[in-house]
Amino acid sequence: MAPRLYRALVFALYQLSIVVAIALLPVALVTSRVGLPLPIGRFVARLGSAYENVADGADARGPGDRRDPTDAA
């Protein structure tokens, strides 16, 4: 249950970061014209890669497989 909750939390943070990035786009454009770029793209990219890492590793056995991963079948 904990990996599923963690994956959902990381996914929610990733989605929230996309919304924040879209909302801050006008601010980012103005600040980049002044010479002060905001690292919003890096923030979204990091959360995206974190979610991909969690999603790839969490369901390696599949959703219906309840066997112990240490079992050598």
Protein backbone atom coordinates (compact mmCIF):
# COMPACT_ATOMS: atom_id res chain seq x y z
CA MET A 1 0.00 0.00 0.00
CA ALA A 2 2.85 2.41 0.79
CA PRO A 3 4.40 2.23 -2.73
CA ARG A 4 1.00 2.91 -4.27
CA LEU A 5 0.48 5.90 -1.97
CA TYR A 6 3.97 7.20 -2.71
CA ARG A 7 3.42 6.83 -6.46
CA ALA A 8 0.10 8.70 -6.20
CA LEU A 9 1.74 11.47 -4.16
CA VAL A 10 4.58 11.91 -6.66
CA PHE A 11 2.07 11.93 -9.54
CA ALA A 12 -0.04 14.58 -7.77
CA LEU A 13 3.05 16.72 -7.16
CA TYR A 14 4.02 16.37 -10.82
CA GLN A 15 0.56 17.46 -11.96
CA LEU A 16 0.57 20.35 -9.50
CA SER A 17 3.98 21.48 -10.77
CA ILE A 18 2.62 21.58 -14.32
CA VAL A 19 -0.30 23.75 -13.19
CA VAL A 20 2.04 26.07 -11.28
CA ALA A 21 4.37 26.31 -14.28
CA ILE A 22 1.47 27.26 -16.57
CA ALA A 23 0.24 29.83 -14.06
CA LEU A 24 3.73 31.33 -13.70
CA LEU A 25 4.43 31.43 -17.42
CA PRO A 26 3.73 35.18 -17.79
CA VAL A 27 5.94 35.91 -14.78
CA ALA A 28 8.71 33.72 -16.20
CA LEU A 29 8.54 35.51 -19.55
CA VAL A 30 8.82 38.94 -17.92
CA THR A 31 11.68 37.94 -15.63
CA SER A 32 13.59 36.33 -18.50
CA ARG A 33 13.35 39.59 -20.46
CA VAL A 34 14.85 41.38 -17.46
CA GLY A 35 17.63 38.79 -17.28
CA LEU A 36 16.47 36.69 -14.36
CA PRO A 37 15.28 33.29 -15.61
CA LEU A 38 13.10 31.15 -13.35
CA PRO A 39 14.02 27.44 -13.09
CA ILE A 40 10.42 26.25 -13.55
CA GLY A 41 11.32 23.89 -16.41
CA ARG A 42 13.94 22.10 -14.32
CA PHE A 43 11.46 21.73 -11.46
CA VAL A 44 8.83 20.13 -13.70
CA ALA A 45 11.41 17.93 -15.41
CA ARG A 46 12.76 16.65 -12.08
CA LEU A 47 9.31 15.75 -10.81
CA GLY A 48 8.51 14.12 -14.15
CA SER A 49 11.59 11.93 -14.01
CA ALA A 50 10.89 11.11 -10.36
CA TYR A 51 7.40 9.95 -11.29
CA GLU A 52 8.74 7.87 -14.18
CA ASN A 53 11.24 6.20 -11.84
CA VAL A 54 8.51 5.42 -9.30
CA ALA A 55 6.06 4.20 -11.94
CA ASP A 56 8.66 1.96 -13.61
CA GLY A 57 9.89 0.36 -10.40
CA ALA A 58 6.61 0.03 -8.51
CA ASP A 59 4.72 -2.24 -10.91
CA ALA A 60 7.52 -4.48 -12.09
CA ARG A 61 5.60 -7.58 -10.99
CA GLY A 62 2.23 -6.46 -12.35
CA PRO A 63 -0.96 -5.46 -10.54
CA GLY A 64 -2.34 -8.97 -10.02
CA ASP A 65 0.83 -10.67 -8.84
CA ARG A 66 0.73 -11.00 -5.05
CA ARG A 67 3.68 -13.36 -4.71
CA ASP A 68 6.58 -12.55 -2.45
CA PRO A 69 9.36 -11.03 -4.61
CA THR A 70 11.95 -12.99 -2.63
CA ASP A 71 10.26 -16.29 -3.56
CA ALA A 72 12.18 -18.26 -6.18
CA ALA A 73 8.99 -19.85 -7.60
